[in-house]
Structure formats: structure tokens, C-alpha cells
Amino acid sequence: DNSGLPISRIYEEAAALLHLSLDDLEIEMKK
């Protein structure tokens, strides 16, 4: 959105909450 955070930081937090590896989360988000 309008934050200054890098999208990679959002991914890291989301992966932790979903108990997924970062690579697996990237695959799911691309789908």
C-alpha cells in the first residue's frame, strides 16, 4: 500500500503466521 516497508518483510511475517516456508508462500502468492 503506501507504507515504506519492503514487500519481502510482509512475506516473511505472512509465512510465519501461515507456518509456510518463504519459498512455498511465494509459490502460493503467484498462483
PDB file of all heavy atoms in Angstrom:
ATOM      1  N   ASP A   1       0.856  -1.198   0.000  1.00  0.00           N
ATOM      2  CA  ASP A   1       0.000   0.000   0.000  1.00  0.00           C
ATOM      3  C   ASP A   1       0.890   1.245   0.000  1.00  0.00           C
ATOM      4  O   ASP A   1       1.762   1.390  -0.842  1.00  0.00           O
ATOM      5  CB  ASP A   1      -0.951  -0.058   1.182  1.00  0.00           C
ATOM      6  CG  ASP A   1      -2.103   0.948   1.076  1.00  0.00           C
ATOM      7  OD1 ASP A   1      -2.321   1.488  -0.032  1.00  0.00           O
ATOM      8  OD2 ASP A   1      -2.783   1.199   2.085  1.00  0.00           O
ATOM      9  N   ASN A   2       0.699   2.144   0.954  1.00  0.00           N
ATOM     10  CA  ASN A   2       1.503   3.376   0.984  1.00  0.00           C
ATOM     11  C   ASN A   2       2.592   3.337   2.053  1.00  0.00           C
ATOM     12  O   ASN A   2       3.162   4.361   2.410  1.00  0.00           O
ATOM     13  CB  ASN A   2       0.606   4.595   1.187  1.00  0.00           C
ATOM     14  CG  ASN A   2      -0.185   4.526   2.484  1.00  0.00           C
ATOM     15  OD1 ASN A   2      -0.067   3.554   3.228  1.00  0.00           O
ATOM     16  ND2 ASN A   2      -1.004   5.526   2.755  1.00  0.00           N
ATOM     17  N   SER A   3       2.870   2.166   2.593  1.00  0.00           N
ATOM     18  CA  SER A   3       3.904   2.047   3.625  1.00  0.00           C
ATOM     19  C   SER A   3       5.288   2.049   2.973  1.00  0.00           C
ATOM     20  O   SER A   3       5.426   1.846   1.766  1.00  0.00           O
ATOM     21  CB  SER A   3       3.719   0.751   4.421  1.00  0.00           C
ATOM     22  OG  SER A   3       4.147  -0.363   3.666  1.00  0.00           O
ATOM     23  N   GLY A   4       6.291   2.231   3.782  1.00  0.00           N
ATOM     24  CA  GLY A   4       7.660   2.182   3.281  1.00  0.00           C
ATOM     25  C   GLY A   4       8.303   0.821   3.443  1.00  0.00           C
ATOM     26  O   GLY A   4       9.487   0.645   3.156  1.00  0.00           O
ATOM     27  N   LEU A   5       7.516  -0.159   3.896  1.00  0.00           N
ATOM     28  CA  LEU A   5       8.065  -1.489   4.125  1.00  0.00           C
ATOM     29  C   LEU A   5       8.348  -2.196   2.804  1.00  0.00           C
ATOM     30  O   LEU A   5       7.572  -2.085   1.854  1.00  0.00           O
ATOM     31  CB  LEU A   5       7.061  -2.333   4.922  1.00  0.00           C
ATOM     32  CG  LEU A   5       6.860  -1.995   6.390  1.00  0.00           C
ATOM     33  CD1 LEU A   5       5.680  -2.778   6.934  1.00  0.00           C
ATOM     34  CD2 LEU A   5       8.125  -2.321   7.181  1.00  0.00           C
ATOM     35  N   PRO A   6       9.418  -2.948   2.726  1.00  0.00           N
ATOM     36  CA  PRO A   6       9.630  -3.788   1.538  1.00  0.00           C
ATOM     37  C   PRO A   6       8.639  -4.941   1.543  1.00  0.00           C
ATOM     38  O   PRO A   6       8.279  -5.463   2.608  1.00  0.00           O
ATOM     39  CB  PRO A   6      11.076  -4.280   1.703  1.00  0.00           C
ATOM     40  CG  PRO A   6      11.343  -4.197   3.161  1.00  0.00           C
ATOM     41  CD  PRO A   6      10.526  -3.042   3.687  1.00  0.00           C
ATOM     42  N   ILE A   7       8.202  -5.358   0.371  1.00  0.00           N
ATOM     43  CA  ILE A   7       7.227  -6.448   0.290  1.00  0.00           C
ATOM     44  C   ILE A   7       7.806  -7.730   0.870  1.00  0.00           C
ATOM     45  O   ILE A   7       7.065  -8.564   1.417  1.00  0.00           O
ATOM     46  CB  ILE A   7       6.761  -6.656  -1.171  1.00  0.00           C
ATOM     47  CG1 ILE A   7       5.594  -7.642  -1.234  1.00  0.00           C
ATOM     48  CG2 ILE A   7       7.914  -7.078  -2.060  1.00  0.00           C
ATOM     49  CD1 ILE A   7       4.327  -7.173  -0.543  1.00  0.00           C
ATOM     50  N   SER A   8       9.123  -7.887   0.823  1.00  0.00           N
ATOM     51  CA  SER A   8       9.749  -9.096   1.386  1.00  0.00           C
ATOM     52  C   SER A   8       9.481  -9.198   2.886  1.00  0.00           C
ATOM     53  O   SER A   8       9.338 -10.314   3.418  1.00  0.00           O
ATOM     54  CB  SER A   8      11.250  -9.099   1.117  1.00  0.00           C
ATOM     55  OG  SER A   8      11.861  -7.934   1.653  1.00  0.00           O
ATOM     56  N   ARG A   9       9.393  -8.052   3.559  1.00  0.00           N
ATOM     57  CA  ARG A   9       9.122  -8.076   5.012  1.00  0.00           C
ATOM     58  C   ARG A   9       7.693  -8.550   5.284  1.00  0.00           C
ATOM     59  O   ARG A   9       7.462  -9.295   6.240  1.00  0.00           O
ATOM     60  CB  ARG A   9       9.339  -6.672   5.604  1.00  0.00           C
ATOM     61  CG  ARG A   9       9.097  -6.600   7.110  1.00  0.00           C
ATOM     62  CD  ARG A   9      10.135  -7.384   7.881  1.00  0.00           C
ATOM     63  NE  ARG A   9       9.840  -7.469   9.309  1.00  0.00           N
ATOM     64  CZ  ARG A   9       9.129  -8.448   9.861  1.00  0.00           C
ATOM     65  NH1 ARG A   9       8.650  -9.435   9.122  1.00  0.00           N
ATOM     66  NH2 ARG A   9       8.899  -8.459  11.174  1.00  0.00           N
ATOM     67  N   ILE A  10       6.748  -8.142   4.442  1.00  0.00           N
ATOM     68  CA  ILE A  10       5.362  -8.607   4.577  1.00  0.00           C
ATOM     69  C   ILE A  10       5.314 -10.122   4.355  1.00  0.00           C
ATOM     70  O   ILE A  10       4.624 -10.847   5.077  1.00  0.00           O
ATOM     71  CB  ILE A  10       4.441  -7.888   3.579  1.00  0.00           C
ATOM     72  CG1 ILE A  10       4.572  -6.357   3.679  1.00  0.00           C
ATOM     73  CG2 ILE A  10       2.992  -8.329   3.779  1.00  0.00           C
ATOM     74  CD1 ILE A  10       4.171  -5.773   4.996  1.00  0.00           C
ATOM     75  N   TYR A  11       6.053 -10.593   3.355  1.00  0.00           N
ATOM     76  CA  TYR A  11       6.086 -12.030   3.070  1.00  0.00           C
ATOM     77  C   TYR A  11       6.640 -12.810   4.253  1.00  0.00           C
ATOM     78  O   TYR A  11       6.137 -13.893   4.596  1.00  0.00           O
ATOM     79  CB  TYR A  11       6.940 -12.300   1.831  1.00  0.00           C
ATOM     80  CG  TYR A  11       6.162 -12.334   0.538  1.00  0.00           C
ATOM     81  CD1 TYR A  11       5.592 -11.180   0.020  1.00  0.00           C
ATOM     82  CD2 TYR A  11       5.995 -13.516  -0.177  1.00  0.00           C
ATOM     83  CE1 TYR A  11       4.875 -11.200  -1.172  1.00  0.00           C
ATOM     84  CE2 TYR A  11       5.291 -13.555  -1.366  1.00  0.00           C
ATOM     85  CZ  TYR A  11       4.727 -12.391  -1.864  1.00  0.00           C
ATOM     86  OH  TYR A  11       4.025 -12.418  -3.043  1.00  0.00           O
ATOM     87  N   GLU A  12       7.692 -12.305   4.867  1.00  0.00           N
ATOM     88  CA  GLU A  12       8.301 -13.009   5.997  1.00  0.00           C
ATOM     89  C   GLU A  12       7.296 -13.173   7.136  1.00  0.00           C
ATOM     90  O   GLU A  12       7.185 -14.250   7.737  1.00  0.00           O
ATOM     91  CB  GLU A  12       9.526 -12.239   6.489  1.00  0.00           C
ATOM     92  CG  GLU A  12      10.711 -12.297   5.532  1.00  0.00           C
ATOM     93  CD  GLU A  12      11.783 -11.278   5.884  1.00  0.00           C
ATOM     94  OE1 GLU A  12      11.618 -10.561   6.894  1.00  0.00           O
ATOM     95  OE2 GLU A  12      12.793 -11.195   5.149  1.00  0.00           O
ATOM     96  N   GLU A  13       6.558 -12.106   7.416  1.00  0.00           N
ATOM     97  CA  GLU A  13       5.574 -12.170   8.503  1.00  0.00           C
ATOM     98  C   GLU A  13       4.429 -13.107   8.139  1.00  0.00           C
ATOM     99  O   GLU A  13       3.965 -13.902   8.967  1.00  0.00           O
ATOM    100  CB  GLU A  13       5.037 -10.770   8.795  1.00  0.00           C
ATOM    101  CG  GLU A  13       4.254 -10.656  10.093  1.00  0.00           C
ATOM    102  CD  GLU A  13       5.117 -10.876  11.323  1.00  0.00           C
ATOM    103  OE1 GLU A  13       6.345 -10.627  11.258  1.00  0.00           O
ATOM    104  OE2 GLU A  13       4.559 -11.311  12.359  1.00  0.00           O
ATOM    105  N   ALA A  14       3.964 -13.019   6.887  1.00  0.00           N
ATOM    106  CA  ALA A  14       2.871 -13.882   6.444  1.00  0.00           C
ATOM    107  C   ALA A  14       3.274 -15.346   6.484  1.00  0.00           C
ATOM    108  O   ALA A  14       2.498 -16.218   6.908  1.00  0.00           O
ATOM    109  CB  ALA A  14       2.444 -13.488   5.033  1.00  0.00           C
ATOM    110  N   ALA A  15       4.494 -15.651   6.060  1.00  0.00           N
ATOM    111  CA  ALA A  15       4.970 -17.037   6.070  1.00  0.00           C
ATOM    112  C   ALA A  15       4.997 -17.597   7.491  1.00  0.00           C
ATOM    113  O   ALA A  15       4.601 -18.750   7.724  1.00  0.00           O
ATOM    114  CB  ALA A  15       6.362 -17.114   5.439  1.00  0.00           C
ATOM    115  N   ALA A  16       5.436 -16.777   8.435  1.00  0.00           N
ATOM    116  CA  ALA A  16       5.476 -17.219   9.825  1.00  0.00           C
ATOM    117  C   ALA A  16       4.074 -17.497  10.361  1.00  0.00           C
ATOM    118  O   ALA A  16       3.846 -18.502  11.040  1.00  0.00           O
ATOM    119  CB  ALA A  16       6.175 -16.163  10.679  1.00  0.00           C
ATOM    120  N   LEU A  17       3.128 -16.617  10.042  1.00  0.00           N
ATOM    121  CA  LEU A  17       1.754 -16.789  10.527  1.00  0.00           C
ATOM    122  C   LEU A  17       1.091 -18.012   9.914  1.00  0.00           C
ATOM    123  O   LEU A  17       0.257 -18.664  10.555  1.00  0.00           O
ATOM    124  CB  LEU A  17       0.927 -15.538  10.213  1.00  0.00           C
ATOM    125  CG  LEU A  17       1.259 -14.290  11.028  1.00  0.00           C
ATOM    126  CD1 LEU A  17       0.549 -13.069  10.446  1.00  0.00           C
ATOM    127  CD2 LEU A  17       0.864 -14.481  12.491  1.00  0.00           C
ATOM    128  N   LEU A  18       1.435 -18.331   8.677  1.00  0.00           N
ATOM    129  CA  LEU A  18       0.823 -19.462   7.983  1.00  0.00           C
ATOM    130  C   LEU A  18       1.606 -20.758   8.150  1.00  0.00           C
ATOM    131  O   LEU A  18       1.193 -21.800   7.636  1.00  0.00           O
ATOM    132  CB  LEU A  18       0.696 -19.133   6.487  1.00  0.00           C
ATOM    133  CG  LEU A  18      -0.243 -17.990   6.127  1.00  0.00           C
ATOM    134  CD1 LEU A  18      -0.128 -17.652   4.650  1.00  0.00           C
ATOM    135  CD2 LEU A  18      -1.689 -18.330   6.481  1.00  0.00           C
ATOM    136  N   HIS A  19       2.758 -20.678   8.845  1.00  0.00           N
ATOM    137  CA  HIS A  19       3.630 -21.848   9.054  1.00  0.00           C
ATOM    138  C   HIS A  19       4.070 -22.435   7.713  1.00  0.00           C
ATOM    139  O   HIS A  19       4.044 -23.661   7.501  1.00  0.00           O
ATOM    140  CB  HIS A  19       2.920 -22.906   9.899  1.00  0.00           C
ATOM    141  CG  HIS A  19       2.396 -22.374  11.205  1.00  0.00           C
ATOM    142  ND1 HIS A  19       3.230 -21.994  12.238  1.00  0.00           N
ATOM    143  CD2 HIS A  19       1.124 -22.128  11.633  1.00  0.00           C
ATOM    144  CE1 HIS A  19       2.502 -21.561  13.246  1.00  0.00           C
ATOM    145  NE2 HIS A  19       1.232 -21.629  12.905  1.00  0.00           N
ATOM    146  N   LEU A  20       4.464 -21.546   6.801  1.00  0.00           N
ATOM    147  CA  LEU A  20       4.971 -21.939   5.493  1.00  0.00           C
ATOM    148  C   LEU A  20       6.396 -21.430   5.331  1.00  0.00           C
ATOM    149  O   LEU A  20       6.775 -20.429   5.944  1.00  0.00           O
ATOM    150  CB  LEU A  20       4.117 -21.332   4.373  1.00  0.00           C
ATOM    151  CG  LEU A  20       2.690 -21.838   4.199  1.00  0.00           C
ATOM    152  CD1 LEU A  20       1.973 -20.985   3.154  1.00  0.00           C
ATOM    153  CD2 LEU A  20       2.679 -23.303   3.779  1.00  0.00           C
ATOM    154  N   SER A  21       7.165 -22.098   4.498  1.00  0.00           N
ATOM    155  CA  SER A  21       8.467 -21.554   4.142  1.00  0.00           C
ATOM    156  C   SER A  21       8.247 -20.367   3.218  1.00  0.00           C
ATOM    157  O   SER A  21       7.188 -20.233   2.583  1.00  0.00           O
ATOM    158  CB  SER A  21       9.317 -22.604   3.437  1.00  0.00           C
ATOM    159  OG  SER A  21       8.795 -22.868   2.134  1.00  0.00           O
ATOM    160  N   LEU A  22       9.224 -19.496   3.125  1.00  0.00           N
ATOM    161  CA  LEU A  22       9.115 -18.334   2.244  1.00  0.00           C
ATOM    162  C   LEU A  22       8.957 -18.777   0.790  1.00  0.00           C
ATOM    163  O   LEU A  22       8.157 -18.198   0.035  1.00  0.00           O
ATOM    164  CB  LEU A  22      10.348 -17.434   2.401  1.00  0.00           C
ATOM    165  CG  LEU A  22      10.233 -16.004   1.876  1.00  0.00           C
ATOM    166  CD1 LEU A  22       9.064 -15.272   2.498  1.00  0.00           C
ATOM    167  CD2 LEU A  22      11.534 -15.254   2.130  1.00  0.00           C
ATOM    168  N   ASP A  23       9.672 -19.808   0.397  1.00  0.00           N
ATOM    169  CA  ASP A  23       9.569 -20.313  -0.974  1.00  0.00           C
ATOM    170  C   ASP A  23       8.163 -20.826  -1.266  1.00  0.00           C
ATOM    171  O   ASP A  23       7.602 -20.560  -2.338  1.00  0.00           O
ATOM    172  CB  ASP A  23      10.582 -21.436  -1.217  1.00  0.00           C
ATOM    173  CG  ASP A  23      12.008 -20.925  -1.332  1.00  0.00           C
ATOM    174  OD1 ASP A  23      12.182 -19.706  -1.530  1.00  0.00           O
ATOM    175  OD2 ASP A  23      12.938 -21.742  -1.211  1.00  0.00           O
ATOM    176  N   ASP A  24       7.592 -21.560  -0.336  1.00  0.00           N
ATOM    177  CA  ASP A  24       6.242 -22.089  -0.533  1.00  0.00           C
ATOM    178  C   ASP A  24       5.214 -20.964  -0.596  1.00  0.00           C
ATOM    179  O   ASP A  24       4.261 -21.019  -1.385  1.00  0.00           O
ATOM    180  CB  ASP A  24       5.881 -23.068   0.583  1.00  0.00           C
ATOM    181  CG  ASP A  24       6.579 -24.410   0.430  1.00  0.00           C
ATOM    182  OD1 ASP A  24       7.086 -24.691  -0.680  1.00  0.00           O
ATOM    183  OD2 ASP A  24       6.626 -25.171   1.413  1.00  0.00           O
ATOM    184  N   LEU A  25       5.413 -19.939   0.232  1.00  0.00           N
ATOM    185  CA  LEU A  25       4.480 -18.809   0.205  1.00  0.00           C
ATOM    186  C   LEU A  25       4.567 -18.076  -1.133  1.00  0.00           C
ATOM    187  O   LEU A  25       3.545 -17.679  -1.695  1.00  0.00           O
ATOM    188  CB  LEU A  25       4.779 -17.846   1.353  1.00  0.00           C
ATOM    189  CG  LEU A  25       3.851 -16.619   1.423  1.00  0.00           C
ATOM    190  CD1 LEU A  25       2.399 -17.035   1.636  1.00  0.00           C
ATOM    191  CD2 LEU A  25       4.291 -15.657   2.527  1.00  0.00           C
ATOM    192  N   GLU A  26       5.771 -17.908  -1.647  1.00  0.00           N
ATOM    193  CA  GLU A  26       5.933 -17.262  -2.951  1.00  0.00           C
ATOM    194  C   GLU A  26       5.175 -18.022  -4.037  1.00  0.00           C
ATOM    195  O   GLU A  26       4.532 -17.418  -4.901  1.00  0.00           O
ATOM    196  CB  GLU A  26       7.416 -17.172  -3.315  1.00  0.00           C
ATOM    197  CG  GLU A  26       8.191 -16.125  -2.539  1.00  0.00           C
ATOM    198  CD  GLU A  26       9.633 -16.043  -3.010  1.00  0.00           C
ATOM    199  OE1 GLU A  26       9.846 -15.997  -4.243  1.00  0.00           O
ATOM    200  OE2 GLU A  26      10.532 -16.033  -2.160  1.00  0.00           O
ATOM    201  N   ILE A  27       5.228 -19.335  -3.986  1.00  0.00           N
ATOM    202  CA  ILE A  27       4.519 -20.158  -4.964  1.00  0.00           C
ATOM    203  C   ILE A  27       3.016 -19.944  -4.851  1.00  0.00           C
ATOM    204  O   ILE A  27       2.315 -19.775  -5.862  1.00  0.00           O
ATOM    205  CB  ILE A  27       4.871 -21.653  -4.767  1.00  0.00           C
ATOM    206  CG1 ILE A  27       6.329 -21.903  -5.153  1.00  0.00           C
ATOM    207  CG2 ILE A  27       3.936 -22.545  -5.575  1.00  0.00           C
ATOM    208  CD1 ILE A  27       6.842 -23.276  -4.765  1.00  0.00           C
ATOM    209  N   GLU A  28       2.509 -19.930  -3.629  1.00  0.00           N
ATOM    210  CA  GLU A  28       1.075 -19.741  -3.416  1.00  0.00           C
ATOM    211  C   GLU A  28       0.617 -18.354  -3.864  1.00  0.00           C
ATOM    212  O   GLU A  28      -0.445 -18.202  -4.479  1.00  0.00           O
ATOM    213  CB  GLU A  28       0.722 -19.961  -1.940  1.00  0.00           C
ATOM    214  CG  GLU A  28       0.926 -21.376  -1.445  1.00  0.00           C
ATOM    215  CD  GLU A  28       0.080 -22.384  -2.203  1.00  0.00           C
ATOM    216  OE1 GLU A  28      -1.069 -22.061  -2.556  1.00  0.00           O
ATOM    217  OE2 GLU A  28       0.587 -23.493  -2.456  1.00  0.00           O
ATOM    218  N   MET A  29       1.417 -17.334  -3.579  1.00  0.00           N
ATOM    219  CA  MET A  29       1.028 -15.975  -3.954  1.00  0.00           C
ATOM    220  C   MET A  29       1.050 -15.787  -5.468  1.00  0.00           C
ATOM    221  O   MET A  29       0.216 -15.060  -6.024  1.00  0.00           O
ATOM    222  CB  MET A  29       1.946 -14.950  -3.288  1.00  0.00           C
ATOM    223  CG  MET A  29       1.806 -14.873  -1.766  1.00  0.00           C
ATOM    224  SD  MET A  29       0.111 -14.501  -1.186  1.00  0.00           S
ATOM    225  CE  MET A  29      -0.476 -16.168  -0.767  1.00  0.00           C
ATOM    226  N   LYS A  30       1.970 -16.480  -6.135  1.00  0.00           N
ATOM    227  CA  LYS A  30       1.991 -16.385  -7.600  1.00  0.00           C
ATOM    228  C   LYS A  30       0.744 -17.038  -8.190  1.00  0.00           C
ATOM    229  O   LYS A  30       0.143 -16.520  -9.134  1.00  0.00           O
ATOM    230  CB  LYS A  30       3.250 -17.021  -8.172  1.00  0.00           C
ATOM    231  CG  LYS A  30       3.345 -16.799  -9.680  1.00  0.00           C
ATOM    232  CD  LYS A  30       4.675 -17.246 -10.256  1.00  0.00           C
ATOM    233  CE  LYS A  30       4.726 -16.946 -11.752  1.00  0.00           C
ATOM    234  NZ  LYS A  30       6.006 -17.383 -12.360  1.00  0.00           N
ATOM    235  N   LYS A  31       0.335 -18.175  -7.642  1.00  0.00           N
ATOM    236  CA  LYS A  31      -0.901 -18.824  -8.093  1.00  0.00           C
ATOM    237  C   LYS A  31      -2.086 -17.869  -7.949  1.00  0.00           C
ATOM    238  O   LYS A  31      -2.922 -17.737  -8.850  1.00  0.00           O
ATOM    239  CB  LYS A  31      -1.162 -20.090  -7.267  1.00  0.00           C
ATOM    240  CG  LYS A  31      -0.249 -21.257  -7.539  1.00  0.00           C
ATOM    241  CD  LYS A  31      -0.647 -22.413  -6.631  1.00  0.00           C
ATOM    242  CE  LYS A  31       0.307 -23.574  -6.743  1.00  0.00           C
ATOM    243  NZ  LYS A  31      -0.059 -24.656  -5.777  1.00  0.00           N
TER     244      LYS A  31
END
